[in-house]
């Protein structure tokens, strides 16, 4: 992919409000070249500072700043075909059920477990065997973050289920 085409595509996508560009979108814009050739060109453009690699096969649009809660929204780009929701320490911290801020966002997913280190921060996906149909009563959708989020009770149950550290959880009688 030539530099001029990359910049033209990025400008056009920025006009459409797209701040994170999947490799597949760039491949389509370049006429579906050989993936190896495309990746070599994209790596060259990253080294030249034209674009930044946001995560695996994802690039930051240089003409548009990431939106508010971009790290949360990035999860949708990382796992477009999986069902998932924000949970464990990420939710408990916001509700004052643990005293510390988590160092990464943790999502429970029906997909595989994996931890991504991205340009914006770390995102961890933890696999669950639970049927996604059972999640419905314990989740709500955050419009501003564009992700599903667990209730604090569900997040605490997940924290326990996945054997995470319970020492930071504030006892129920001490929570505000």
C-alpha atoms as a PDB file:
ATOM      1  CA  UNK A   1       0.000   0.000   0.000  1.00  0.00           C
ATOM      2  CA  UNK A   2       1.487   3.263  -1.079  1.00  0.00           C
ATOM      3  CA  UNK A   3       1.762   6.200   1.304  1.00  0.00           C
ATOM      4  CA  UNK A   4      -0.606   8.411  -0.701  1.00  0.00           C
ATOM      5  CA  UNK A   5      -3.300   5.723  -0.777  1.00  0.00           C
ATOM      6  CA  UNK A   6      -2.928   5.085   2.964  1.00  0.00           C
ATOM      7  CA  UNK A   7      -3.347   8.777   3.766  1.00  0.00           C
ATOM      8  CA  UNK A   8      -6.282   9.133   1.367  1.00  0.00           C
ATOM      9  CA  UNK A   9      -8.044   6.141   2.961  1.00  0.00           C
ATOM     10  CA  UNK A  10      -7.363   7.433   6.478  1.00  0.00           C
ATOM     11  CA  UNK A  11      -8.758  10.892   5.627  1.00  0.00           C
ATOM     12  CA  UNK A  12     -11.858   9.372   4.109  1.00  0.00           C
ATOM     13  CA  UNK A  13     -12.394   7.114   7.137  1.00  0.00           C
ATOM     14  CA  UNK A  14     -11.835  10.045   9.510  1.00  0.00           C
ATOM     15  CA  UNK A  15     -14.576  11.950   7.688  1.00  0.00           C
ATOM     16  CA  UNK A  16     -16.839   8.965   8.434  1.00  0.00           C
ATOM     17  CA  UNK A  17     -15.834   9.037  12.128  1.00  0.00           C
ATOM     18  CA  UNK A  18     -13.689   5.887  12.058  1.00  0.00           C
ATOM     19  CA  UNK A  19     -10.809   6.229  14.524  1.00  0.00           C
ATOM     20  CA  UNK A  20      -9.554   2.627  14.528  1.00  0.00           C
ATOM     21  CA  UNK A  21      -8.866   0.940  11.204  1.00  0.00           C
ATOM     22  CA  UNK A  22      -8.773  -2.852  10.839  1.00  0.00           C
ATOM     23  CA  UNK A  23      -6.168  -4.342   8.525  1.00  0.00           C
ATOM     24  CA  UNK A  24      -8.986  -5.878   6.467  1.00  0.00           C
ATOM     25  CA  UNK A  25     -10.328  -2.392   5.665  1.00  0.00           C
ATOM     26  CA  UNK A  26      -6.904  -1.278   4.466  1.00  0.00           C
ATOM     27  CA  UNK A  27      -6.562  -4.469   2.412  1.00  0.00           C
ATOM     28  CA  UNK A  28      -9.912  -3.797   0.730  1.00  0.00           C
ATOM     29  CA  UNK A  29      -8.937  -0.193   0.003  1.00  0.00           C
ATOM     30  CA  UNK A  30      -5.693  -1.400  -1.574  1.00  0.00           C
ATOM     31  CA  UNK A  31      -7.517  -3.846  -3.831  1.00  0.00           C
ATOM     32  CA  UNK A  32      -6.854  -6.933  -1.669  1.00  0.00           C
ATOM     33  CA  UNK A  33      -3.110  -7.298  -2.238  1.00  0.00           C
ATOM     34  CA  UNK A  34      -1.073 -10.190  -0.918  1.00  0.00           C
ATOM     35  CA  UNK A  35      -1.338  -9.958   2.916  1.00  0.00           C
ATOM     36  CA  UNK A  36       2.409 -10.337   3.394  1.00  0.00           C
ATOM     37  CA  UNK A  37       3.067  -7.427   1.034  1.00  0.00           C
ATOM     38  CA  UNK A  38       0.410  -5.311   2.759  1.00  0.00           C
ATOM     39  CA  UNK A  39       1.830  -6.039   6.218  1.00  0.00           C
ATOM     40  CA  UNK A  40       5.362  -5.160   5.102  1.00  0.00           C
ATOM     41  CA  UNK A  41       4.069  -1.848   3.724  1.00  0.00           C
ATOM     42  CA  UNK A  42       2.052  -1.137   6.886  1.00  0.00           C
ATOM     43  CA  UNK A  43       5.056  -1.901   9.102  1.00  0.00           C
ATOM     44  CA  UNK A  44       7.076   0.543   6.995  1.00  0.00           C
ATOM     45  CA  UNK A  45       4.366   3.202   7.430  1.00  0.00           C
ATOM     46  CA  UNK A  46       4.283   2.582  11.193  1.00  0.00           C
ATOM     47  CA  UNK A  47       8.076   3.020  11.411  1.00  0.00           C
ATOM     48  CA  UNK A  48       7.782   6.214   9.358  1.00  0.00           C
ATOM     49  CA  UNK A  49       5.168   7.549  11.805  1.00  0.00           C
ATOM     50  CA  UNK A  50       2.305   7.768   9.297  1.00  0.00           C
ATOM     51  CA  UNK A  51       0.076   5.503  11.385  1.00  0.00           C
ATOM     52  CA  UNK A  52       0.323   3.858  14.796  1.00  0.00           C
ATOM     53  CA  UNK A  53      -0.402   0.226  15.449  1.00  0.00           C
ATOM     54  CA  UNK A  54      -3.305   0.169  17.898  1.00  0.00           C
ATOM     55  CA  UNK A  55      -3.320  -3.584  18.458  1.00  0.00           C
ATOM     56  CA  UNK A  56      -3.142  -6.768  16.426  1.00  0.00           C
ATOM     57  CA  UNK A  57      -4.226  -5.929  12.859  1.00  0.00           C
ATOM     58  CA  UNK A  58      -5.583  -2.553  14.043  1.00  0.00           C
ATOM     59  CA  UNK A  59      -4.273   0.915  13.265  1.00  0.00           C
ATOM     60  CA  UNK A  60      -5.025   4.331  14.738  1.00  0.00           C
ATOM     61  CA  UNK A  61      -6.408   6.815  12.257  1.00  0.00           C
ATOM     62  CA  UNK A  62      -3.887   9.704  12.240  1.00  0.00           C
ATOM     63  CA  UNK A  63      -6.612  12.186  11.272  1.00  0.00           C
ATOM     64  CA  UNK A  64      -8.949  11.422  14.174  1.00  0.00           C
ATOM     65  CA  UNK A  65      -8.289  11.247  17.905  1.00  0.00           C
ATOM     66  CA  UNK A  66      -9.602   8.221  19.793  1.00  0.00           C
ATOM     67  CA  UNK A  67     -12.995   8.873  21.399  1.00  0.00           C
ATOM     68  CA  UNK A  68     -13.810   8.970  25.074  1.00  0.00           C
ATOM     69  CA  UNK A  69     -13.494   5.461  26.551  1.00  0.00           C
ATOM     70  CA  UNK A  70     -11.499   4.349  23.506  1.00  0.00           C
ATOM     71  CA  UNK A  71      -9.945   1.407  25.385  1.00  0.00           C
ATOM     72  CA  UNK A  72     -13.416   0.044  26.171  1.00  0.00           C
ATOM     73  CA  UNK A  73     -14.529   0.543  22.571  1.00  0.00           C
ATOM     74  CA  UNK A  74     -11.359  -1.096  21.273  1.00  0.00           C
ATOM     75  CA  UNK A  75     -12.608  -4.405  22.689  1.00  0.00           C
ATOM     76  CA  UNK A  76     -15.264  -4.416  19.954  1.00  0.00           C
ATOM     77  CA  UNK A  77     -12.525  -4.198  17.309  1.00  0.00           C
ATOM     78  CA  UNK A  78     -10.433  -6.908  18.974  1.00  0.00           C
ATOM     79  CA  UNK A  79     -13.324  -9.362  19.279  1.00  0.00           C
ATOM     80  CA  UNK A  80     -15.895  -8.516  16.588  1.00  0.00           C
ATOM     81  CA  UNK A  81     -17.374 -12.031  16.505  1.00  0.00           C
ATOM     82  CA  UNK A  82     -17.431 -12.866  20.218  1.00  0.00           C
ATOM     83  CA  UNK A  83     -19.939 -12.047  22.917  1.00  0.00           C
ATOM     84  CA  UNK A  84     -18.363 -10.405  25.967  1.00  0.00           C
ATOM     85  CA  UNK A  85     -18.977  -8.031  28.844  1.00  0.00           C
ATOM     86  CA  UNK A  86     -16.878  -5.893  31.189  1.00  0.00           C
ATOM     87  CA  UNK A  87     -16.517  -7.553  34.570  1.00  0.00           C
ATOM     88  CA  UNK A  88     -14.371  -8.419  37.622  1.00  0.00           C
ATOM     89  CA  UNK A  89     -12.051  -5.699  38.980  1.00  0.00           C
ATOM     90  CA  UNK A  90     -12.959  -3.316  36.158  1.00  0.00           C
ATOM     91  CA  UNK A  91     -16.581  -3.113  37.344  1.00  0.00           C
ATOM     92  CA  UNK A  92     -15.963  -3.553  41.069  1.00  0.00           C
ATOM     93  CA  UNK A  93     -13.530  -0.631  41.158  1.00  0.00           C
ATOM     94  CA  UNK A  94     -16.067   1.720  39.560  1.00  0.00           C
ATOM     95  CA  UNK A  95     -18.715   0.763  42.116  1.00  0.00           C
ATOM     96  CA  UNK A  96     -16.372   1.148  45.080  1.00  0.00           C
ATOM     97  CA  UNK A  97     -16.340  -2.552  45.910  1.00  0.00           C
ATOM     98  CA  UNK A  98     -12.540  -2.693  45.687  1.00  0.00           C
ATOM     99  CA  UNK A  99     -10.192   0.072  46.716  1.00  0.00           C
ATOM    100  CA  UNK A 100      -7.748   0.025  43.818  1.00  0.00           C
ATOM    101  CA  UNK A 101      -7.950   0.888  40.152  1.00  0.00           C
ATOM    102  CA  UNK A 102      -7.344  -2.146  37.925  1.00  0.00           C
ATOM    103  CA  UNK A 103      -4.297  -2.065  35.654  1.00  0.00           C
ATOM    104  CA  UNK A 104      -6.233  -3.511  32.702  1.00  0.00           C
ATOM    105  CA  UNK A 105      -9.815  -3.904  31.515  1.00  0.00           C
ATOM    106  CA  UNK A 106     -11.181  -7.401  32.032  1.00  0.00           C
ATOM    107  CA  UNK A 107     -13.943  -8.791  29.853  1.00  0.00           C
ATOM    108  CA  UNK A 108     -15.649 -12.164  30.242  1.00  0.00           C
ATOM    109  CA  UNK A 109     -16.171 -13.805  26.846  1.00  0.00           C
ATOM    110  CA  UNK A 110     -17.506 -16.888  25.139  1.00  0.00           C
ATOM    111  CA  UNK A 111     -14.341 -16.704  22.984  1.00  0.00           C
ATOM    112  CA  UNK A 112     -10.838 -17.706  23.955  1.00  0.00           C
ATOM    113  CA  UNK A 113      -8.896 -16.173  26.834  1.00  0.00           C
ATOM    114  CA  UNK A 114      -6.193 -13.750  25.798  1.00  0.00           C
ATOM    115  CA  UNK A 115      -4.527 -10.560  26.999  1.00  0.00           C
ATOM    116  CA  UNK A 116      -3.881  -7.758  24.514  1.00  0.00           C
ATOM    117  CA  UNK A 117      -1.347  -4.999  25.082  1.00  0.00           C
ATOM    118  CA  UNK A 118      -2.531  -2.112  22.939  1.00  0.00           C
ATOM    119  CA  UNK A 119      -1.503   1.448  22.292  1.00  0.00           C
ATOM    120  CA  UNK A 120      -4.232   2.586  24.718  1.00  0.00           C
ATOM    121  CA  UNK A 121      -3.672   0.040  27.500  1.00  0.00           C
ATOM    122  CA  UNK A 122      -4.191  -3.629  28.310  1.00  0.00           C
ATOM    123  CA  UNK A 123      -7.361  -5.613  27.721  1.00  0.00           C
ATOM    124  CA  UNK A 124      -7.862  -9.102  29.096  1.00  0.00           C
ATOM    125  CA  UNK A 125     -10.492 -11.527  27.852  1.00  0.00           C
ATOM    126  CA  UNK A 126     -11.362 -14.416  30.173  1.00  0.00           C
ATOM    127  CA  UNK A 127     -13.203 -17.394  28.676  1.00  0.00           C
ATOM    128  CA  UNK A 128     -16.405 -18.603  30.309  1.00  0.00           C
ATOM    129  CA  UNK A 129     -18.365 -21.788  29.771  1.00  0.00           C
ATOM    130  CA  UNK A 130     -21.554 -19.981  30.825  1.00  0.00           C
ATOM    131  CA  UNK A 131     -24.243 -19.762  28.185  1.00  0.00           C
ATOM    132  CA  UNK A 132     -24.516 -16.114  27.052  1.00  0.00           C
ATOM    133  CA  UNK A 133     -28.317 -16.393  27.405  1.00  0.00           C
ATOM    134  CA  UNK A 134     -27.830 -16.551  31.199  1.00  0.00           C
ATOM    135  CA  UNK A 135     -26.008 -13.201  31.241  1.00  0.00           C
ATOM    136  CA  UNK A 136     -28.993 -11.051  30.241  1.00  0.00           C
ATOM    137  CA  UNK A 137     -30.359 -10.254  33.719  1.00  0.00           C
ATOM    138  CA  UNK A 138     -26.930  -9.341  35.050  1.00  0.00           C
ATOM    139  CA  UNK A 139     -25.758  -6.924  32.344  1.00  0.00           C
ATOM    140  CA  UNK A 140     -26.529  -3.454  31.073  1.00  0.00           C
ATOM    141  CA  UNK A 141     -25.310  -1.736  27.925  1.00  0.00           C
ATOM    142  CA  UNK A 142     -23.173   1.387  28.295  1.00  0.00           C
ATOM    143  CA  UNK A 143     -23.948   3.692  25.370  1.00  0.00           C
ATOM    144  CA  UNK A 144     -20.936   5.919  26.021  1.00  0.00           C
ATOM    145  CA  UNK A 145     -18.510   2.982  26.251  1.00  0.00           C
ATOM    146  CA  UNK A 146     -20.333   0.847  23.681  1.00  0.00           C
ATOM    147  CA  UNK A 147     -19.870  -2.371  25.677  1.00  0.00           C
ATOM    148  CA  UNK A 148     -21.978  -4.575  27.899  1.00  0.00           C
ATOM    149  CA  UNK A 149     -21.141  -4.285  31.612  1.00  0.00           C
ATOM    150  CA  UNK A 150     -21.813  -6.670  34.489  1.00  0.00           C
ATOM    151  CA  UNK A 151     -23.639  -5.633  37.630  1.00  0.00           C
ATOM    152  CA  UNK A 152     -21.344  -5.453  40.674  1.00  0.00           C
ATOM    153  CA  UNK A 153     -22.885  -8.689  41.982  1.00  0.00           C
ATOM    154  CA  UNK A 154     -22.152 -10.495  38.699  1.00  0.00           C
ATOM    155  CA  UNK A 155     -18.620  -9.018  38.624  1.00  0.00           C
ATOM    156  CA  UNK A 156     -17.975 -10.321  42.158  1.00  0.00           C
ATOM    157  CA  UNK A 157     -19.300 -13.764  41.167  1.00  0.00           C
ATOM    158  CA  UNK A 158     -16.984 -13.710  38.126  1.00  0.00           C
ATOM    159  CA  UNK A 159     -14.037 -12.632  40.269  1.00  0.00           C
ATOM    160  CA  UNK A 160     -14.667 -15.622  42.522  1.00  0.00           C
ATOM    161  CA  UNK A 161     -15.297 -18.044  39.627  1.00  0.00           C
ATOM    162  CA  UNK A 162     -12.024 -17.215  37.882  1.00  0.00           C
ATOM    163  CA  UNK A 163      -9.927 -17.469  41.036  1.00  0.00           C
ATOM    164  CA  UNK A 164      -8.860 -13.844  41.027  1.00  0.00           C
ATOM    165  CA  UNK A 165      -7.613 -12.077  44.151  1.00  0.00           C
ATOM    166  CA  UNK A 166     -10.499 -11.458  46.571  1.00  0.00           C
ATOM    167  CA  UNK A 167      -8.297  -9.695  49.157  1.00  0.00           C
ATOM    168  CA  UNK A 168      -9.065  -6.274  47.681  1.00  0.00           C
ATOM    169  CA  UNK A 169     -12.856  -6.683  47.895  1.00  0.00           C
ATOM    170  CA  UNK A 170     -14.327  -4.424  50.561  1.00  0.00           C
ATOM    171  CA  UNK A 171     -16.729  -6.308  52.868  1.00  0.00           C
ATOM    172  CA  UNK A 172     -20.415  -5.585  52.145  1.00  0.00           C
ATOM    173  CA  UNK A 173     -20.990  -3.838  55.462  1.00  0.00           C
ATOM    174  CA  UNK A 174     -18.144  -1.366  54.774  1.00  0.00           C
ATOM    175  CA  UNK A 175     -19.253  -0.364  51.249  1.00  0.00           C
ATOM    176  CA  UNK A 176     -21.015   2.965  50.739  1.00  0.00           C
END
